């Protein structure tokens, strides 16, 4: 399912126009993105939790040249599915 299909589904379930559904989805995604950028956790009970995970710097190998390289530390988004979501699958 892509974003436009999700907007259509939200529109059908919530009884909103497609434009209002798109605005609601966009606002939700912006709110989640801003919370993660502020290093906050977003917990949606029954659905799951979005959080930020810090990966430390490490040494890797370039597969083409077999040369050792340094991989920098970075932050990545993480999602852990909730019990209700896992039960629906």
PDB file of N, CA and C in Angstrom:
ATOM      1  N   UNK A   1       0.849  -1.173   0.000  1.00  0.00           N
ATOM      2  CA  UNK A   1       0.000   0.000   0.000  1.00  0.00           C
ATOM      3  C   UNK A   1       0.897   1.240   0.000  1.00  0.00           C
ATOM      4  N   UNK A   2       0.620   2.141  -0.913  1.00  0.00           N
ATOM      5  CA  UNK A   2       1.387   3.389  -0.957  1.00  0.00           C
ATOM      6  C   UNK A   2       0.594   4.501  -0.266  1.00  0.00           C
ATOM      7  N   UNK A   3       1.151   5.704  -0.252  1.00  0.00           N
ATOM      8  CA  UNK A   3       0.549   6.812   0.489  1.00  0.00           C
ATOM      9  C   UNK A   3      -0.837   7.178  -0.054  1.00  0.00           C
ATOM     10  N   UNK A   4      -1.007   7.232  -1.372  1.00  0.00           N
ATOM     11  CA  UNK A   4      -2.311   7.611  -1.927  1.00  0.00           C
ATOM     12  C   UNK A   4      -3.367   6.547  -1.621  1.00  0.00           C
ATOM     13  N   UNK A   5      -2.983   5.283  -1.619  1.00  0.00           N
ATOM     14  CA  UNK A   5      -3.925   4.220  -1.258  1.00  0.00           C
ATOM     15  C   UNK A   5      -4.297   4.312   0.226  1.00  0.00           C
ATOM     16  N   UNK A   6      -3.328   4.684   1.069  1.00  0.00           N
ATOM     17  CA  UNK A   6      -3.597   4.866   2.487  1.00  0.00           C
ATOM     18  C   UNK A   6      -4.549   6.041   2.708  1.00  0.00           C
ATOM     19  N   UNK A   7      -4.368   7.119   1.975  1.00  0.00           N
ATOM     20  CA  UNK A   7      -5.271   8.276   2.065  1.00  0.00           C
ATOM     21  C   UNK A   7      -6.683   7.853   1.667  1.00  0.00           C
ATOM     22  N   UNK A   8      -6.816   7.070   0.598  1.00  0.00           N
ATOM     23  CA  UNK A   8      -8.130   6.580   0.160  1.00  0.00           C
ATOM     24  C   UNK A   8      -8.788   5.740   1.257  1.00  0.00           C
ATOM     25  N   UNK A   9      -8.003   4.878   1.903  1.00  0.00           N
ATOM     26  CA  UNK A   9      -8.524   3.996   2.955  1.00  0.00           C
ATOM     27  C   UNK A   9      -8.963   4.815   4.174  1.00  0.00           C
ATOM     28  N   UNK A  10      -8.143   5.801   4.578  1.00  0.00           N
ATOM     29  CA  UNK A  10      -8.496   6.674   5.697  1.00  0.00           C
ATOM     30  C   UNK A  10      -9.785   7.425   5.385  1.00  0.00           C
ATOM     31  N   UNK A  11      -9.895   7.923   4.163  1.00  0.00           N
ATOM     32  CA  UNK A  11     -11.082   8.653   3.728  1.00  0.00           C
ATOM     33  C   UNK A  11     -12.331   7.781   3.834  1.00  0.00           C
ATOM     34  N   UNK A  12     -12.221   6.547   3.382  1.00  0.00           N
ATOM     35  CA  UNK A  12     -13.368   5.634   3.401  1.00  0.00           C
ATOM     36  C   UNK A  12     -13.769   5.258   4.833  1.00  0.00           C
ATOM     37  N   UNK A  13     -12.794   4.984   5.682  1.00  0.00           N
ATOM     38  CA  UNK A  13     -13.088   4.546   7.050  1.00  0.00           C
ATOM     39  C   UNK A  13     -13.595   5.698   7.917  1.00  0.00           C
ATOM     40  N   UNK A  14     -12.957   6.857   7.808  1.00  0.00           N
ATOM     41  CA  UNK A  14     -13.301   7.987   8.685  1.00  0.00           C
ATOM     42  C   UNK A  14     -14.423   8.858   8.137  1.00  0.00           C
ATOM     43  N   UNK A  15     -14.799   8.650   6.885  1.00  0.00           N
ATOM     44  CA  UNK A  15     -15.861   9.461   6.295  1.00  0.00           C
ATOM     45  C   UNK A  15     -15.415  10.887   6.022  1.00  0.00           C
ATOM     46  N   UNK A  16     -14.117  11.072   5.766  1.00  0.00           N
ATOM     47  CA  UNK A  16     -13.559  12.387   5.455  1.00  0.00           C
ATOM     48  C   UNK A  16     -13.339  12.507   3.950  1.00  0.00           C
ATOM     49  N   UNK A  17     -13.149  13.739   3.509  1.00  0.00           N
ATOM     50  CA  UNK A  17     -12.781  13.910   2.103  1.00  0.00           C
ATOM     51  C   UNK A  17     -11.336  13.453   1.937  1.00  0.00           C
ATOM     52  N   UNK A  18     -10.956  13.175   0.712  1.00  0.00           N
ATOM     53  CA  UNK A  18      -9.570  12.749   0.454  1.00  0.00           C
ATOM     54  C   UNK A  18      -8.589  13.852   0.824  1.00  0.00           C
ATOM     55  N   UNK A  19      -8.965  15.111   0.588  1.00  0.00           N
ATOM     56  CA  UNK A  19      -8.092  16.238   0.917  1.00  0.00           C
ATOM     57  C   UNK A  19      -7.875  16.319   2.422  1.00  0.00           C
ATOM     58  N   UNK A  20      -8.961  16.164   3.201  1.00  0.00           N
ATOM     59  CA  UNK A  20      -8.841  16.201   4.658  1.00  0.00           C
ATOM     60  C   UNK A  20      -8.040  14.998   5.171  1.00  0.00           C
ATOM     61  N   UNK A  21      -8.239  13.849   4.564  1.00  0.00           N
ATOM     62  CA  UNK A  21      -7.497  12.655   4.958  1.00  0.00           C
ATOM     63  C   UNK A  21      -6.006  12.820   4.690  1.00  0.00           C
ATOM     64  N   UNK A  22      -5.677  13.432   3.555  1.00  0.00           N
ATOM     65  CA  UNK A  22      -4.266  13.664   3.214  1.00  0.00           C
ATOM     66  C   UNK A  22      -3.639  14.636   4.204  1.00  0.00           C
ATOM     67  N   UNK A  23      -4.376  15.704   4.551  1.00  0.00           N
ATOM     68  CA  UNK A  23      -3.875  16.674   5.536  1.00  0.00           C
ATOM     69  C   UNK A  23      -3.638  16.009   6.884  1.00  0.00           C
ATOM     70  N   UNK A  24      -4.567  15.154   7.300  1.00  0.00           N
ATOM     71  CA  UNK A  24      -4.442  14.462   8.583  1.00  0.00           C
ATOM     72  C   UNK A  24      -3.232  13.520   8.584  1.00  0.00           C
ATOM     73  N   UNK A  25      -3.060  12.780   7.513  1.00  0.00           N
ATOM     74  CA  UNK A  25      -1.919  11.865   7.410  1.00  0.00           C
ATOM     75  C   UNK A  25      -0.602  12.638   7.397  1.00  0.00           C
ATOM     76  N   UNK A  26      -0.539  13.697   6.602  1.00  0.00           N
ATOM     77  CA  UNK A  26       0.673  14.513   6.539  1.00  0.00           C
ATOM     78  C   UNK A  26       1.007  15.117   7.897  1.00  0.00           C
ATOM     79  N   UNK A  27      -0.008  15.609   8.610  1.00  0.00           N
ATOM     80  CA  UNK A  27       0.211  16.199   9.930  1.00  0.00           C
ATOM     81  C   UNK A  27       0.715  15.149  10.919  1.00  0.00           C
ATOM     82  N   UNK A  28       0.172  13.955  10.831  1.00  0.00           N
ATOM     83  CA  UNK A  28       0.616  12.863  11.704  1.00  0.00           C
ATOM     84  C   UNK A  28       2.076  12.515  11.440  1.00  0.00           C
ATOM     85  N   UNK A  29       2.437  12.415  10.179  1.00  0.00           N
ATOM     86  CA  UNK A  29       3.816  12.071   9.828  1.00  0.00           C
ATOM     87  C   UNK A  29       4.792  13.160  10.257  1.00  0.00           C
ATOM     88  N   UNK A  30       4.400  14.429  10.103  1.00  0.00           N
ATOM     89  CA  UNK A  30       5.248  15.544  10.537  1.00  0.00           C
ATOM     90  C   UNK A  30       5.427  15.502  12.053  1.00  0.00           C
ATOM     91  N   UNK A  31       4.355  15.246  12.782  1.00  0.00           N
ATOM     92  CA  UNK A  31       4.425  15.194  14.246  1.00  0.00           C
ATOM     93  C   UNK A  31       5.351  14.073  14.715  1.00  0.00           C
ATOM     94  N   UNK A  32       5.263  12.904  14.080  1.00  0.00           N
ATOM     95  CA  UNK A  32       6.140  11.785  14.431  1.00  0.00           C
ATOM     96  C   UNK A  32       7.588  12.134  14.104  1.00  0.00           C
ATOM     97  N   UNK A  33       7.821  12.718  12.933  1.00  0.00           N
ATOM     98  CA  UNK A  33       9.175  13.093  12.521  1.00  0.00           C
ATOM     99  C   UNK A  33       9.787  14.112  13.475  1.00  0.00           C
ATOM    100  N   UNK A  34       9.002  15.126  13.879  1.00  0.00           N
ATOM    101  CA  UNK A  34       9.506  16.150  14.794  1.00  0.00           C
ATOM    102  C   UNK A  34       9.817  15.566  16.171  1.00  0.00           C
ATOM    103  N   UNK A  35       8.979  14.645  16.635  1.00  0.00           N
ATOM    104  CA  UNK A  35       9.218  14.012  17.932  1.00  0.00           C
ATOM    105  C   UNK A  35      10.498  13.185  17.904  1.00  0.00           C
ATOM    106  N   UNK A  36      10.705  12.445  16.832  1.00  0.00           N
ATOM    107  CA  UNK A  36      11.924  11.633  16.721  1.00  0.00           C
ATOM    108  C   UNK A  36      13.158  12.517  16.597  1.00  0.00           C
ATOM    109  N   UNK A  37      13.042  13.631  15.876  1.00  0.00           N
ATOM    110  CA  UNK A  37      14.170  14.557  15.739  1.00  0.00           C
ATOM    111  C   UNK A  37      14.538  15.158  17.089  1.00  0.00           C
ATOM    112  N   UNK A  38      13.554  15.304  17.988  1.00  0.00           N
ATOM    113  CA  UNK A  38      13.801  15.820  19.333  1.00  0.00           C
ATOM    114  C   UNK A  38      14.198  14.696  20.293  1.00  0.00           C
ATOM    115  N   UNK A  39      14.432  13.506  19.746  1.00  0.00           N
ATOM    116  CA  UNK A  39      14.854  12.317  20.495  1.00  0.00           C
ATOM    117  C   UNK A  39      13.775  11.824  21.463  1.00  0.00           C
ATOM    118  N   UNK A  40      12.505  12.095  21.132  1.00  0.00           N
ATOM    119  CA  UNK A  40      11.374  11.604  21.914  1.00  0.00           C
ATOM    120  C   UNK A  40      10.901  10.272  21.358  1.00  0.00           C
ATOM    121  N   UNK A  41      10.105   9.590  22.146  1.00  0.00           N
ATOM    122  CA  UNK A  41       9.512   8.327  21.752  1.00  0.00           C
ATOM    123  C   UNK A  41       8.044   8.598  21.429  1.00  0.00           C
ATOM    124  N   UNK A  42       7.497   7.962  20.404  1.00  0.00           N
ATOM    125  CA  UNK A  42       6.077   8.100  20.058  1.00  0.00           C
ATOM    126  C   UNK A  42       5.432   6.732  20.246  1.00  0.00           C
ATOM    127  N   UNK A  43       4.576   6.612  21.266  1.00  0.00           N
ATOM    128  CA  UNK A  43       3.922   5.340  21.575  1.00  0.00           C
ATOM    129  C   UNK A  43       2.445   5.427  21.209  1.00  0.00           C
ATOM    130  N   UNK A  44       2.020   4.581  20.295  1.00  0.00           N
ATOM    131  CA  UNK A  44       0.616   4.479  19.896  1.00  0.00           C
ATOM    132  C   UNK A  44       0.105   3.143  20.444  1.00  0.00           C
ATOM    133  N   UNK A  45      -0.615   3.216  21.560  1.00  0.00           N
ATOM    134  CA  UNK A  45      -1.043   2.019  22.270  1.00  0.00           C
ATOM    135  C   UNK A  45      -1.808   1.082  21.333  1.00  0.00           C
ATOM    136  N   UNK A  46      -1.402  -0.162  21.312  1.00  0.00           N
ATOM    137  CA  UNK A  46      -2.024  -1.167  20.465  1.00  0.00           C
ATOM    138  C   UNK A  46      -1.415  -1.248  19.077  1.00  0.00           C
ATOM    139  N   UNK A  47      -0.763  -0.185  18.631  1.00  0.00           N
ATOM    140  CA  UNK A  47      -0.158  -0.179  17.294  1.00  0.00           C
ATOM    141  C   UNK A  47       1.340  -0.415  17.372  1.00  0.00           C
ATOM    142  N   UNK A  48       2.046   0.446  18.111  1.00  0.00           N
ATOM    143  CA  UNK A  48       3.482   0.270  18.231  1.00  0.00           C
ATOM    144  C   UNK A  48       4.164   1.527  18.717  1.00  0.00           C
ATOM    145  N   UNK A  49       5.488   1.469  18.792  1.00  0.00           N
ATOM    146  CA  UNK A  49       6.284   2.565  19.308  1.00  0.00           C
ATOM    147  C   UNK A  49       7.391   2.926  18.325  1.00  0.00           C
ATOM    148  N   UNK A  50       7.483   4.215  18.017  1.00  0.00           N
ATOM    149  CA  UNK A  50       8.572   4.745  17.209  1.00  0.00           C
ATOM    150  C   UNK A  50       9.603   5.322  18.173  1.00  0.00           C
ATOM    151  N   UNK A  51      10.884   5.047  17.934  1.00  0.00           N
ATOM    152  CA  UNK A  51      11.932   5.595  18.788  1.00  0.00           C
ATOM    153  C   UNK A  51      13.191   5.803  17.954  1.00  0.00           C
ATOM    154  N   UNK A  52      14.190   6.417  18.598  1.00  0.00           N
ATOM    155  CA  UNK A  52      15.469   6.662  17.938  1.00  0.00           C
ATOM    156  C   UNK A  52      16.498   5.716  18.538  1.00  0.00           C
ATOM    157  N   UNK A  53      17.255   5.058  17.688  1.00  0.00           N
ATOM    158  CA  UNK A  53      18.300   4.137  18.120  1.00  0.00           C
ATOM    159  C   UNK A  53      19.641   4.689  17.660  1.00  0.00           C
ATOM    160  N   UNK A  54      20.619   4.710  18.546  1.00  0.00           N
ATOM    161  CA  UNK A  54      21.946   5.208  18.184  1.00  0.00           C
ATOM    162  C   UNK A  54      22.853   4.030  17.867  1.00  0.00           C
ATOM    163  N   UNK A  55      23.432   4.057  16.689  1.00  0.00           N
ATOM    164  CA  UNK A  55      24.379   3.019  16.288  1.00  0.00           C
ATOM    165  C   UNK A  55      25.796   3.553  16.465  1.00  0.00           C
ATOM    166  N   UNK A  56      26.645   2.812  17.142  1.00  0.00           N
ATOM    167  CA  UNK A  56      28.005   3.306  17.375  1.00  0.00           C
ATOM    168  C   UNK A  56      28.858   3.215  16.105  1.00  0.00           C
ATOM    169  N   UNK A  57      29.970   3.939  16.119  1.00  0.00           N
ATOM    170  CA  UNK A  57      30.915   3.850  15.008  1.00  0.00           C
ATOM    171  C   UNK A  57      31.501   2.438  15.001  1.00  0.00           C
ATOM    172  N   UNK A  58      31.839   1.960  13.822  1.00  0.00           N
ATOM    173  CA  UNK A  58      32.415   0.610  13.724  1.00  0.00           C
ATOM    174  C   UNK A  58      33.301   0.513  12.501  1.00  0.00           C
ATOM    175  N   UNK A  59      34.035  -0.580  12.445  1.00  0.00           N
ATOM    176  CA  UNK A  59      34.920  -0.817  11.312  1.00  0.00           C
ATOM    177  C   UNK A  59      34.232  -1.781  10.354  1.00  0.00           C
ATOM    178  N   UNK A  60      34.274  -1.461   9.078  1.00  0.00           N
ATOM    179  CA  UNK A  60      33.683  -2.318   8.063  1.00  0.00           C
ATOM    180  C   UNK A  60      34.684  -2.622   6.971  1.00  0.00           C
ATOM    181  N   UNK A  61      34.252  -3.377   5.985  1.00  0.00           N
ATOM    182  CA  UNK A  61      35.122  -3.747   4.866  1.00  0.00           C
ATOM    183  C   UNK A  61      34.424  -3.395   3.567  1.00  0.00           C
ATOM    184  N   UNK A  62      35.131  -2.670   2.681  1.00  0.00           N
ATOM    185  CA  UNK A  62      34.617  -2.360   1.354  1.00  0.00           C
ATOM    186  C   UNK A  62      34.635  -3.670   0.557  1.00  0.00           C
ATOM    187  N   UNK A  63      33.472  -4.179   0.123  1.00  0.00           N
ATOM    188  CA  UNK A  63      33.442  -5.472  -0.557  1.00  0.00           C
ATOM    189  C   UNK A  63      34.169  -5.478  -1.905  1.00  0.00           C
ATOM    190  N   UNK A  64      34.268  -4.321  -2.541  1.00  0.00           N
ATOM    191  CA  UNK A  64      34.925  -4.271  -3.852  1.00  0.00           C
ATOM    192  C   UNK A  64      36.440  -4.334  -3.729  1.00  0.00           C
ATOM    193  N   UNK A  65      36.989  -3.618  -2.743  1.00  0.00           N
ATOM    194  CA  UNK A  65      38.447  -3.529  -2.627  1.00  0.00           C
ATOM    195  C   UNK A  65      39.006  -4.307  -1.445  1.00  0.00           C
ATOM    196  N   UNK A  66      38.151  -4.832  -0.585  1.00  0.00           N
ATOM    197  CA  UNK A  66      38.529  -5.539   0.644  1.00  0.00           C
ATOM    198  C   UNK A  66      39.296  -4.638   1.605  1.00  0.00           C
ATOM    199  N   UNK A  67      39.191  -3.332   1.395  1.00  0.00           N
ATOM    200  CA  UNK A  67      39.872  -2.354   2.237  1.00  0.00           C
ATOM    201  C   UNK A  67      39.027  -2.073   3.479  1.00  0.00           C
ATOM    202  N   UNK A  68      39.678  -1.932   4.649  1.00  0.00           N
ATOM    203  CA  UNK A  68      38.959  -1.618   5.878  1.00  0.00           C
ATOM    204  C   UNK A  68      38.567  -0.143   5.854  1.00  0.00           C
ATOM    205  N   UNK A  69      37.317   0.123   6.285  1.00  0.00           N
ATOM    206  CA  UNK A  69      36.824   1.503   6.326  1.00  0.00           C
ATOM    207  C   UNK A  69      36.170   1.755   7.681  1.00  0.00           C
ATOM    208  N   UNK A  70      36.103   3.025   8.077  1.00  0.00           N
ATOM    209  CA  UNK A  70      35.427   3.412   9.309  1.00  0.00           C
ATOM    210  C   UNK A  70      34.001   3.833   8.969  1.00  0.00           C
ATOM    211  N   UNK A  71      33.044   3.240   9.633  1.00  0.00           N
ATOM    212  CA  UNK A  71      31.642   3.599   9.465  1.00  0.00           C
ATOM    213  C   UNK A  71      31.276   4.483  10.648  1.00  0.00           C
ATOM    214  N   UNK A  72      30.790   5.688  10.365  1.00  0.00           N
ATOM    215  CA  UNK A  72      30.493   6.669  11.409  1.00  0.00           C
ATOM    216  C   UNK A  72      29.280   6.266  12.237  1.00  0.00           C
ATOM    217  N   UNK A  73      29.236   6.768  13.465  1.00  0.00           N
ATOM    218  CA  UNK A  73      28.071   6.580  14.324  1.00  0.00           C
ATOM    219  C   UNK A  73      26.896   7.351  13.718  1.00  0.00           C
ATOM    220  N   UNK A  74      25.680   6.838  13.927  1.00  0.00           N
ATOM    221  CA  UNK A  74      24.511   7.535  13.400  1.00  0.00           C
ATOM    222  C   UNK A  74      23.276   7.156  14.197  1.00  0.00           C
ATOM    223  N   UNK A  75      22.243   7.968  14.037  1.00  0.00           N
ATOM    224  CA  UNK A  75      20.956   7.707  14.664  1.00  0.00           C
ATOM    225  C   UNK A  75      20.011   7.166  13.588  1.00  0.00           C
ATOM    226  N   UNK A  76      19.231   6.165  13.965  1.00  0.00           N
ATOM    227  CA  UNK A  76      18.270   5.583  13.026  1.00  0.00           C
ATOM    228  C   UNK A  76      16.898   5.475  13.695  1.00  0.00           C
ATOM    229  N   UNK A  77      15.847   5.545  12.894  1.00  0.00           N
ATOM    230  CA  UNK A  77      14.485   5.375  13.397  1.00  0.00           C
ATOM    231  C   UNK A  77      14.219   3.891  13.614  1.00  0.00           C
ATOM    232  N   UNK A  78      13.490   3.597  14.679  1.00  0.00           N
ATOM    233  CA  UNK A  78      13.188   2.213  15.028  1.00  0.00           C
ATOM    234  C   UNK A  78      11.689   2.112  15.299  1.00  0.00           C
ATOM    235  N   UNK A  79      11.071   1.016  14.903  1.00  0.00           N
ATOM    236  CA  UNK A  79       9.651   0.779  15.174  1.00  0.00           C
ATOM    237  C   UNK A  79       9.497  -0.584  15.804  1.00  0.00           C
ATOM    238  N   UNK A  80       8.775  -0.622  16.920  1.00  0.00           N
ATOM    239  CA  UNK A  80       8.468  -1.899  17.571  1.00  0.00           C
ATOM    240  C   UNK A  80       6.956  -2.059  17.571  1.00  0.00           C
ATOM    241  N   UNK A  81       6.467  -3.101  16.918  1.00  0.00           N
ATOM    242  CA  UNK A  81       5.031  -3.333  16.808  1.00  0.00           C
ATOM    243  C   UNK A  81       4.436  -3.663  18.166  1.00  0.00           C
ATOM    244  N   UNK A  82       3.225  -3.178  18.409  1.00  0.00           N
ATOM    245  CA  UNK A  82       2.509  -3.456  19.647  1.00  0.00           C
ATOM    246  C   UNK A  82       1.809  -4.814  19.590  1.00  0.00           C
ATOM    247  N   UNK A  83       1.325  -5.262  20.740  1.00  0.00           N
ATOM    248  CA  UNK A  83       0.686  -6.577  20.851  1.00  0.00           C
ATOM    249  C   UNK A  83      -0.555  -6.697  19.958  1.00  0.00           C
ATOM    250  N   UNK A  84      -1.356  -5.631  19.915  1.00  0.00           N
ATOM    251  CA  UNK A  84      -2.571  -5.662  19.102  1.00  0.00           C
ATOM    252  C   UNK A  84      -2.249  -5.797  17.617  1.00  0.00           C
ATOM    253  N   UNK A  85      -1.219  -5.064  17.161  1.00  0.00           N
ATOM    254  CA  UNK A  85      -0.807  -5.158  15.756  1.00  0.00           C
ATOM    255  C   UNK A  85      -0.268  -6.553  15.452  1.00  0.00           C
ATOM    256  N   UNK A  86       0.572  -7.078  16.344  1.00  0.00           N
ATOM    257  CA  UNK A  86       1.121  -8.430  16.139  1.00  0.00           C
ATOM    258  C   UNK A  86       0.005  -9.471  16.117  1.00  0.00           C
ATOM    259  N   UNK A  87      -1.008  -9.272  16.961  1.00  0.00           N
ATOM    260  CA  UNK A  87      -2.118 -10.215  17.001  1.00  0.00           C
ATOM    261  C   UNK A  87      -2.947 -10.190  15.730  1.00  0.00           C
ATOM    262  N   UNK A  88      -3.009  -9.024  15.076  1.00  0.00           N
ATOM    263  CA  UNK A  88      -3.782  -8.902  13.837  1.00  0.00           C
ATOM    264  C   UNK A  88      -3.074  -9.573  12.667  1.00  0.00           C
ATOM    265  N   UNK A  89      -1.775  -9.779  12.794  1.00  0.00           N
ATOM    266  CA  UNK A  89      -1.023 -10.403  11.700  1.00  0.00           C
ATOM    267  C   UNK A  89      -1.125 -11.892  11.839  1.00  0.00           C
TER     268      UNK A  89
END
